[in-house]
PDB file of N, CA and C in Angstrom:
ATOM      1  N   MET A   1     183.829 -50.151 118.621  1.00  0.00           N
ATOM      2  CA  MET A   1     184.331 -49.293 117.664  1.00  0.00           C
ATOM      3  C   MET A   1     184.150 -47.879 118.013  1.00  0.00           C
ATOM      4  N   SER A   2     184.797 -47.005 117.695  1.00  0.00           N
ATOM      5  CA  SER A   2     184.837 -45.440 118.048  1.00  0.00           C
ATOM      6  C   SER A   2     184.804 -44.624 116.899  1.00  0.00           C
ATOM      7  N   THR A   3     183.903 -43.567 116.897  1.00  0.00           N
ATOM      8  CA  THR A   3     183.797 -42.599 115.739  1.00  0.00           C
ATOM      9  C   THR A   3     184.206 -41.124 116.463  1.00  0.00           C
ATOM     10  N   THR A   4     184.839 -40.344 115.524  1.00  0.00           N
ATOM     11  CA  THR A   4     185.100 -39.036 116.108  1.00  0.00           C
ATOM     12  C   THR A   4     184.519 -38.135 115.021  1.00  0.00           C
ATOM     13  N   LEU A   5     183.854 -37.106 115.499  1.00  0.00           N
ATOM     14  CA  LEU A   5     182.974 -36.094 114.802  1.00  0.00           C
ATOM     15  C   LEU A   5     183.322 -34.702 115.325  1.00  0.00           C
ATOM     16  N   THR A   6     183.431 -33.763 114.598  1.00  0.00           N
ATOM     17  CA  THR A   6     183.536 -32.375 115.073  1.00  0.00           C
ATOM     18  C   THR A   6     182.099 -31.942 115.429  1.00  0.00           C
ATOM     19  N   ILE A   7     182.137 -30.827 116.168  1.00  0.00           N
ATOM     20  CA  ILE A   7     180.571 -30.342 116.681  1.00  0.00           C
ATOM     21  C   ILE A   7     179.819 -30.159 115.344  1.00  0.00           C
ATOM     22  N   GLY A   8     180.250 -29.582 114.187  1.00  0.00           N
ATOM     23  CA  GLY A   8     179.490 -29.314 113.069  1.00  0.00           C
ATOM     24  C   GLY A   8     178.913 -30.512 112.559  1.00  0.00           C
ATOM     25  N   GLU A   9     179.810 -31.549 112.277  1.00  0.00           N
ATOM     26  CA  GLU A   9     179.374 -32.687 111.771  1.00  0.00           C
ATOM     27  C   GLU A   9     178.472 -33.489 112.749  1.00  0.00           C
ATOM     28  N   PHE A  10     178.671 -33.476 114.093  1.00  0.00           N
ATOM     29  CA  PHE A  10     177.589 -34.160 115.049  1.00  0.00           C
ATOM     30  C   PHE A  10     176.291 -33.419 114.844  1.00  0.00           C
ATOM     31  N   LYS A  11     176.272 -32.066 114.688  1.00  0.00           N
ATOM     32  CA  LYS A  11     174.948 -31.333 114.723  1.00  0.00           C
ATOM     33  C   LYS A  11     174.270 -31.809 113.423  1.00  0.00           C
ATOM     34  N   ALA A  12     174.955 -31.866 112.301  1.00  0.00           N
ATOM     35  CA  ALA A  12     174.422 -32.107 110.860  1.00  0.00           C
ATOM     36  C   ALA A  12     173.941 -33.640 110.911  1.00  0.00           C
ATOM     37  N   ARG A  13     174.668 -34.445 111.575  1.00  0.00           N
ATOM     38  CA  ARG A  13     174.273 -35.936 111.380  1.00  0.00           C
ATOM     39  C   ARG A  13     173.933 -36.629 112.777  1.00  0.00           C
ATOM     40  N   LEU A  14     173.025 -35.865 113.674  1.00  0.00           N
ATOM     41  CA  LEU A  14     172.710 -36.148 114.819  1.00  0.00           C
ATOM     42  C   LEU A  14     171.878 -37.502 114.806  1.00  0.00           C
ATOM     43  N   SER A  15     170.984 -37.704 113.962  1.00  0.00           N
ATOM     44  CA  SER A  15     170.264 -38.967 113.874  1.00  0.00           C
ATOM     45  C   SER A  15     171.135 -40.021 113.563  1.00  0.00           C
ATOM     46  N   ASP A  16     172.016 -39.953 112.699  1.00  0.00           N
ATOM     47  CA  ASP A  16     172.958 -41.075 112.342  1.00  0.00           C
ATOM     48  C   ASP A  16     173.818 -41.296 113.545  1.00  0.00           C
ATOM     49  N   ALA A  17     174.339 -40.342 114.271  1.00  0.00           N
ATOM     50  CA  ALA A  17     175.057 -40.345 115.354  1.00  0.00           C
ATOM     51  C   ALA A  17     174.440 -41.326 116.520  1.00  0.00           C
ATOM     52  N   LEU A  18     173.119 -40.997 116.666  1.00  0.00           N
ATOM     53  CA  LEU A  18     172.427 -41.669 117.824  1.00  0.00           C
ATOM     54  C   LEU A  18     172.077 -43.086 117.340  1.00  0.00           C
ATOM     55  N   ALA A  19     171.949 -43.316 115.960  1.00  0.00           N
ATOM     56  CA  ALA A  19     171.747 -44.634 115.608  1.00  0.00           C
ATOM     57  C   ALA A  19     173.255 -45.591 115.780  1.00  0.00           C
ATOM     58  N   LEU A  20     174.336 -44.932 115.498  1.00  0.00           N
ATOM     59  CA  LEU A  20     175.429 -45.666 115.885  1.00  0.00           C
ATOM     60  C   LEU A  20     175.675 -45.947 117.366  1.00  0.00           C
ATOM     61  N   VAL A  21     175.250 -45.123 118.207  1.00  0.00           N
ATOM     62  CA  VAL A  21     175.381 -45.228 119.550  1.00  0.00           C
ATOM     63  C   VAL A  21     174.359 -46.402 120.048  1.00  0.00           C
ATOM     64  N   GLU A  22     173.120 -46.509 119.477  1.00  0.00           N
ATOM     65  CA  GLU A  22     172.272 -47.586 119.561  1.00  0.00           C
ATOM     66  C   GLU A  22     172.801 -48.775 119.202  1.00  0.00           C
ATOM     67  N   LYS A  23     173.727 -48.901 118.199  1.00  0.00           N
ATOM     68  CA  LYS A  23     174.293 -50.191 117.803  1.00  0.00           C
ATOM     69  C   LYS A  23     175.516 -50.565 118.851  1.00  0.00           C
ATOM     70  N   GLY A  24     175.823 -49.639 119.708  1.00  0.00           N
ATOM     71  CA  GLY A  24     176.875 -49.977 120.518  1.00  0.00           C
ATOM     72  C   GLY A  24     178.222 -49.222 120.526  1.00  0.00           C
ATOM     73  N   GLU A  25     178.243 -48.338 119.530  1.00  0.00           N
ATOM     74  CA  GLU A  25     179.367 -47.670 119.196  1.00  0.00           C
ATOM     75  C   GLU A  25     179.583 -46.325 120.138  1.00  0.00           C
ATOM     76  N   THR A  26     180.835 -45.866 120.393  1.00  0.00           N
ATOM     77  CA  THR A  26     181.084 -44.677 121.114  1.00  0.00           C
ATOM     78  C   THR A  26     181.479 -43.448 120.208  1.00  0.00           C
ATOM     79  N   ILE A  27     180.876 -42.286 120.406  1.00  0.00           N
ATOM     80  CA  ILE A  27     181.139 -41.142 119.447  1.00  0.00           C
ATOM     81  C   ILE A  27     181.909 -40.110 120.412  1.00  0.00           C
ATOM     82  N   THR A  28     182.953 -39.628 119.723  1.00  0.00           N
ATOM     83  CA  THR A  28     183.754 -38.603 120.513  1.00  0.00           C
ATOM     84  C   THR A  28     183.597 -37.435 119.712  1.00  0.00           C
ATOM     85  N   VAL A  29     183.117 -36.232 120.306  1.00  0.00           N
ATOM     86  CA  VAL A  29     182.891 -34.904 119.761  1.00  0.00           C
ATOM     87  C   VAL A  29     183.930 -33.970 120.021  1.00  0.00           C
ATOM     88  N   THR A  30     184.445 -33.383 118.838  1.00  0.00           N
ATOM     89  CA  THR A  30     185.610 -32.693 119.024  1.00  0.00           C
ATOM     90  C   THR A  30     185.383 -31.177 118.665  1.00  0.00           C
ATOM     91  N   TYR A  31     186.312 -30.282 119.109  1.00  0.00           N
ATOM     92  CA  TYR A  31     186.128 -28.726 118.968  1.00  0.00           C
ATOM     93  C   TYR A  31     187.330 -28.044 118.672  1.00  0.00           C
ATOM     94  N   GLY A  32     187.171 -27.095 117.667  1.00  0.00           N
ATOM     95  CA  GLY A  32     188.342 -26.199 117.385  1.00  0.00           C
ATOM     96  C   GLY A  32     189.512 -26.798 116.310  1.00  0.00           C
ATOM     97  N   ARG A  33     190.341 -25.992 116.075  1.00  0.00           N
ATOM     98  CA  ARG A  33     191.421 -26.485 115.091  1.00  0.00           C
ATOM     99  C   ARG A  33     192.139 -27.661 115.694  1.00  0.00           C
ATOM    100  N   ASN A  34     192.454 -27.588 117.117  1.00  0.00           N
ATOM    101  CA  ASN A  34     193.222 -28.841 117.636  1.00  0.00           C
ATOM    102  C   ASN A  34     192.314 -30.071 117.643  1.00  0.00           C
ATOM    103  N   LYS A  35     191.164 -29.801 117.458  1.00  0.00           N
ATOM    104  CA  LYS A  35     190.004 -31.050 117.646  1.00  0.00           C
ATOM    105  C   LYS A  35     190.197 -31.569 119.060  1.00  0.00           C
ATOM    106  N   THR A  36     189.986 -30.684 119.844  1.00  0.00           N
ATOM    107  CA  THR A  36     189.996 -31.195 121.425  1.00  0.00           C
ATOM    108  C   THR A  36     188.765 -31.949 121.734  1.00  0.00           C
ATOM    109  N   PRO A  37     188.718 -33.029 122.199  1.00  0.00           N
ATOM    110  CA  PRO A  37     187.640 -33.892 122.633  1.00  0.00           C
ATOM    111  C   PRO A  37     186.834 -32.942 123.711  1.00  0.00           C
ATOM    112  N   VAL A  38     185.484 -32.923 123.497  1.00  0.00           N
ATOM    113  CA  VAL A  38     184.740 -32.132 124.501  1.00  0.00           C
ATOM    114  C   VAL A  38     183.590 -33.023 125.019  1.00  0.00           C
ATOM    115  N   ALA A  39     183.223 -34.065 124.341  1.00  0.00           N
ATOM    116  CA  ALA A  39     182.153 -34.923 124.800  1.00  0.00           C
ATOM    117  C   ALA A  39     182.247 -36.388 124.188  1.00  0.00           C
ATOM    118  N   VAL A  40     181.824 -37.311 125.050  1.00  0.00           N
ATOM    119  CA  VAL A  40     181.779 -38.655 124.608  1.00  0.00           C
ATOM    120  C   VAL A  40     180.523 -39.375 124.641  1.00  0.00           C
ATOM    121  N   PHE A  41     179.893 -39.803 123.760  1.00  0.00           N
ATOM    122  CA  PHE A  41     178.617 -40.377 123.574  1.00  0.00           C
ATOM    123  C   PHE A  41     178.721 -41.949 123.465  1.00  0.00           C
ATOM    124  N   GLY A  42     177.972 -42.609 124.297  1.00  0.00           N
ATOM    125  CA  GLY A  42     177.959 -44.161 124.270  1.00  0.00           C
ATOM    126  C   GLY A  42     176.854 -44.666 124.733  1.00  0.00           C
ATOM    127  N   PRO A  43     176.684 -45.916 124.599  1.00  0.00           N
ATOM    128  CA  PRO A  43     175.356 -46.624 125.085  1.00  0.00           C
ATOM    129  C   PRO A  43     175.614 -46.605 126.774  1.00  0.00           C
ATOM    130  N   PRO A  44     174.345 -46.633 127.355  1.00  0.00           N
ATOM    131  CA  PRO A  44     174.428 -46.766 128.806  1.00  0.00           C
ATOM    132  C   PRO A  44     174.961 -48.207 129.302  1.00  0.00           C
ATOM    133  N   PRO A  45     175.574 -48.073 130.426  1.00  0.00           N
ATOM    134  CA  PRO A  45     176.043 -49.193 130.898  1.00  0.00           C
ATOM    135  C   PRO A  45     174.839 -50.207 131.352  1.00  0.00           C
ATOM    136  N   ALA A  46     175.318 -51.546 131.202  1.00  0.00           N
ATOM    137  CA  ALA A  46     174.184 -52.584 131.669  1.00  0.00           C
ATOM    138  C   ALA A  46     173.948 -52.451 133.058  1.00  0.00           C
ATOM    139  N   ALA A  47     172.591 -52.556 133.424  1.00  0.00           N
ATOM    140  CA  ALA A  47     172.235 -52.519 134.887  1.00  0.00           C
ATOM    141  C   ALA A  47     172.776 -53.792 135.558  1.00  0.00           C
ATOM    142  N   PRO A  48     173.365 -53.582 136.661  1.00  0.00           N
ATOM    143  CA  PRO A  48     173.907 -54.861 137.434  1.00  0.00           C
ATOM    144  C   PRO A  48     172.745 -55.542 137.979  1.00  0.00           C
ATOM    145  N   LYS A  49     172.927 -56.751 138.163  1.00  0.00           N
ATOM    146  CA  LYS A  49     171.963 -57.847 138.632  1.00  0.00           C
ATOM    147  C   LYS A  49     171.784 -57.313 140.220  1.00  0.00           C
ATOM    148  N   ARG A  50     170.522 -57.175 140.646  1.00  0.00           N
ATOM    149  CA  ARG A  50     170.385 -56.951 141.989  1.00  0.00           C
ATOM    150  C   ARG A  50     170.566 -57.997 142.995  1.00  0.00           C
ATOM    151  N   LYS A  51     171.138 -57.663 144.116  1.00  0.00           N
ATOM    152  CA  LYS A  51     171.274 -58.771 145.133  1.00  0.00           C
ATOM    153  C   LYS A  51     170.340 -58.637 146.297  1.00  0.00           C
ATOM    154  N   LEU A  52     170.228 -59.662 147.175  1.00  0.00           N
ATOM    155  CA  LEU A  52     169.268 -59.571 148.311  1.00  0.00           C
ATOM    156  C   LEU A  52     170.128 -59.063 149.389  1.00  0.00           C
ATOM    157  N   GLY A  53     171.394 -58.954 149.381  1.00  0.00           N
ATOM    158  CA  GLY A  53     172.214 -58.347 150.397  1.00  0.00           C
ATOM    159  C   GLY A  53     172.304 -59.302 151.539  1.00  0.00           C
ATOM    160  N   HIS A  54     172.262 -59.003 152.904  1.00  0.00           N
ATOM    161  CA  HIS A  54     172.549 -59.899 153.854  1.00  0.00           C
ATOM    162  C   HIS A  54     171.657 -61.289 154.035  1.00  0.00           C
ATOM    163  N   LEU A  55     170.649 -61.217 153.348  1.00  0.00           N
ATOM    164  CA  LEU A  55     169.547 -62.195 153.257  1.00  0.00           C
ATOM    165  C   LEU A  55     169.804 -63.276 152.071  1.00  0.00           C
ATOM    166  N   ALA A  56     170.844 -63.086 151.258  1.00  0.00           N
ATOM    167  CA  ALA A  56     171.000 -63.877 150.129  1.00  0.00           C
ATOM    168  C   ALA A  56     171.484 -65.348 150.527  1.00  0.00           C
ATOM    169  N   GLY A  57     170.626 -66.207 149.948  1.00  0.00           N
ATOM    170  CA  GLY A  57     170.914 -67.644 150.319  1.00  0.00           C
ATOM    171  C   GLY A  57     170.155 -68.216 151.562  1.00  0.00           C
ATOM    172  N   LYS A  58     169.625 -67.303 152.379  1.00  0.00           N
ATOM    173  CA  LYS A  58     168.972 -67.766 153.652  1.00  0.00           C
ATOM    174  C   LYS A  58     167.479 -68.113 153.600  1.00  0.00           C
ATOM    175  N   PHE A  59     166.872 -67.723 152.506  1.00  0.00           N
ATOM    176  CA  PHE A  59     165.605 -68.218 152.257  1.00  0.00           C
ATOM    177  C   PHE A  59     165.202 -68.375 150.759  1.00  0.00           C
ATOM    178  N   ARG A  60     164.013 -68.953 150.589  1.00  0.00           N
ATOM    179  CA  ARG A  60     163.625 -69.185 149.167  1.00  0.00           C
ATOM    180  C   ARG A  60     162.076 -69.058 149.047  1.00  0.00           C
ATOM    181  N   VAL A  61     161.702 -68.334 147.972  1.00  0.00           N
ATOM    182  CA  VAL A  61     160.205 -67.962 147.966  1.00  0.00           C
ATOM    183  C   VAL A  61     159.645 -68.767 146.911  1.00  0.00           C
ATOM    184  N   THR A  62     158.559 -69.292 147.122  1.00  0.00           N
ATOM    185  CA  THR A  62     157.833 -70.326 146.078  1.00  0.00           C
ATOM    186  C   THR A  62     156.279 -69.702 146.015  1.00  0.00           C
ATOM    187  N   ILE A  63     156.007 -69.591 144.921  1.00  0.00           N
ATOM    188  CA  ILE A  63     154.494 -68.970 144.603  1.00  0.00           C
ATOM    189  C   ILE A  63     153.808 -70.346 143.905  1.00  0.00           C
ATOM    190  N   ARG A  64     152.776 -70.679 144.617  1.00  0.00           N
ATOM    191  CA  ARG A  64     152.090 -71.843 144.051  1.00  0.00           C
ATOM    192  C   ARG A  64     151.104 -71.381 142.836  1.00  0.00           C
ATOM    193  N   PRO A  65     150.894 -72.229 141.992  1.00  0.00           N
ATOM    194  CA  PRO A  65     150.234 -71.884 140.624  1.00  0.00           C
ATOM    195  C   PRO A  65     148.801 -71.464 141.121  1.00  0.00           C
ATOM    196  N   ASN A  66     148.057 -71.971 142.105  1.00  0.00           N
ATOM    197  CA  ASN A  66     146.747 -71.630 142.386  1.00  0.00           C
ATOM    198  C   ASN A  66     146.691 -70.469 143.323  1.00  0.00           C
ATOM    199  N   TRP A  67     147.723 -69.777 143.517  1.00  0.00           N
ATOM    200  CA  TRP A  67     147.723 -68.535 144.323  1.00  0.00           C
ATOM    201  C   TRP A  67     147.045 -67.436 143.488  1.00  0.00           C
ATOM    202  N   LYS A  68     146.036 -66.766 144.071  1.00  0.00           N
ATOM    203  CA  LYS A  68     145.347 -65.599 143.444  1.00  0.00           C
ATOM    204  C   LYS A  68     145.258 -64.451 144.367  1.00  0.00           C
ATOM    205  N   MET A  69     145.273 -63.311 143.778  1.00  0.00           N
ATOM    206  CA  MET A  69     145.205 -61.932 144.501  1.00  0.00           C
ATOM    207  C   MET A  69     144.554 -61.031 143.641  1.00  0.00           C
ATOM    208  N   THR A  70     143.723 -60.110 144.001  1.00  0.00           N
ATOM    209  CA  THR A  70     143.111 -59.122 143.174  1.00  0.00           C
ATOM    210  C   THR A  70     143.993 -58.027 143.101  1.00  0.00           C
ATOM    211  N   GLU A  71     143.692 -57.003 142.181  1.00  0.00           N
ATOM    212  CA  GLU A  71     144.379 -55.932 142.055  1.00  0.00           C
ATOM    213  C   GLU A  71     144.379 -54.886 143.332  1.00  0.00           C
ATOM    214  N   GLU A  72     143.198 -55.036 143.937  1.00  0.00           N
ATOM    215  CA  GLU A  72     142.990 -54.067 145.047  1.00  0.00           C
ATOM    216  C   GLU A  72     143.904 -54.669 146.209  1.00  0.00           C
ATOM    217  N   GLU A  73     143.862 -55.988 146.396  1.00  0.00           N
ATOM    218  CA  GLU A  73     144.675 -56.546 147.536  1.00  0.00           C
ATOM    219  C   GLU A  73     146.221 -56.314 147.188  1.00  0.00           C
ATOM    220  N   PHE A  74     146.641 -56.548 146.011  1.00  0.00           N
ATOM    221  CA  PHE A  74     148.047 -56.198 145.452  1.00  0.00           C
ATOM    222  C   PHE A  74     148.578 -54.864 145.860  1.00  0.00           C
ATOM    223  N   LEU A  75     147.686 -53.730 145.390  1.00  0.00           N
ATOM    224  CA  LEU A  75     147.936 -52.411 145.544  1.00  0.00           C
ATOM    225  C   LEU A  75     147.630 -51.878 146.941  1.00  0.00           C
ATOM    226  N   GLY A  76     147.117 -52.672 147.735  1.00  0.00           N
ATOM    227  CA  GLY A  76     146.920 -52.264 149.024  1.00  0.00           C
ATOM    228  C   GLY A  76     145.712 -51.129 149.281  1.00  0.00           C
ATOM    229  N   SER A  77     144.720 -51.351 148.359  1.00  0.00           N
ATOM    230  CA  SER A  77     143.677 -50.345 148.336  1.00  0.00           C
ATOM    231  C   SER A  77     142.479 -50.855 149.443  1.00  0.00           C
TER     232      SER A  77
END
């Protein structure tokens, strides 16, 4: 769903506008008598799933339940 607000309405209702964006709506901000669109606010796009690249499907990593590592070893200190 999309909502259109003038700059004045957007400034006056910023908290409400951000709440709508959090719910997934897109807000178009307009300016002037002709109500020319100047900005569009919407939720950020979902992050794509990361791929292994050229190693995809060529190996598998298994971590055993009894494997232990201290924080110093993990951080390389």
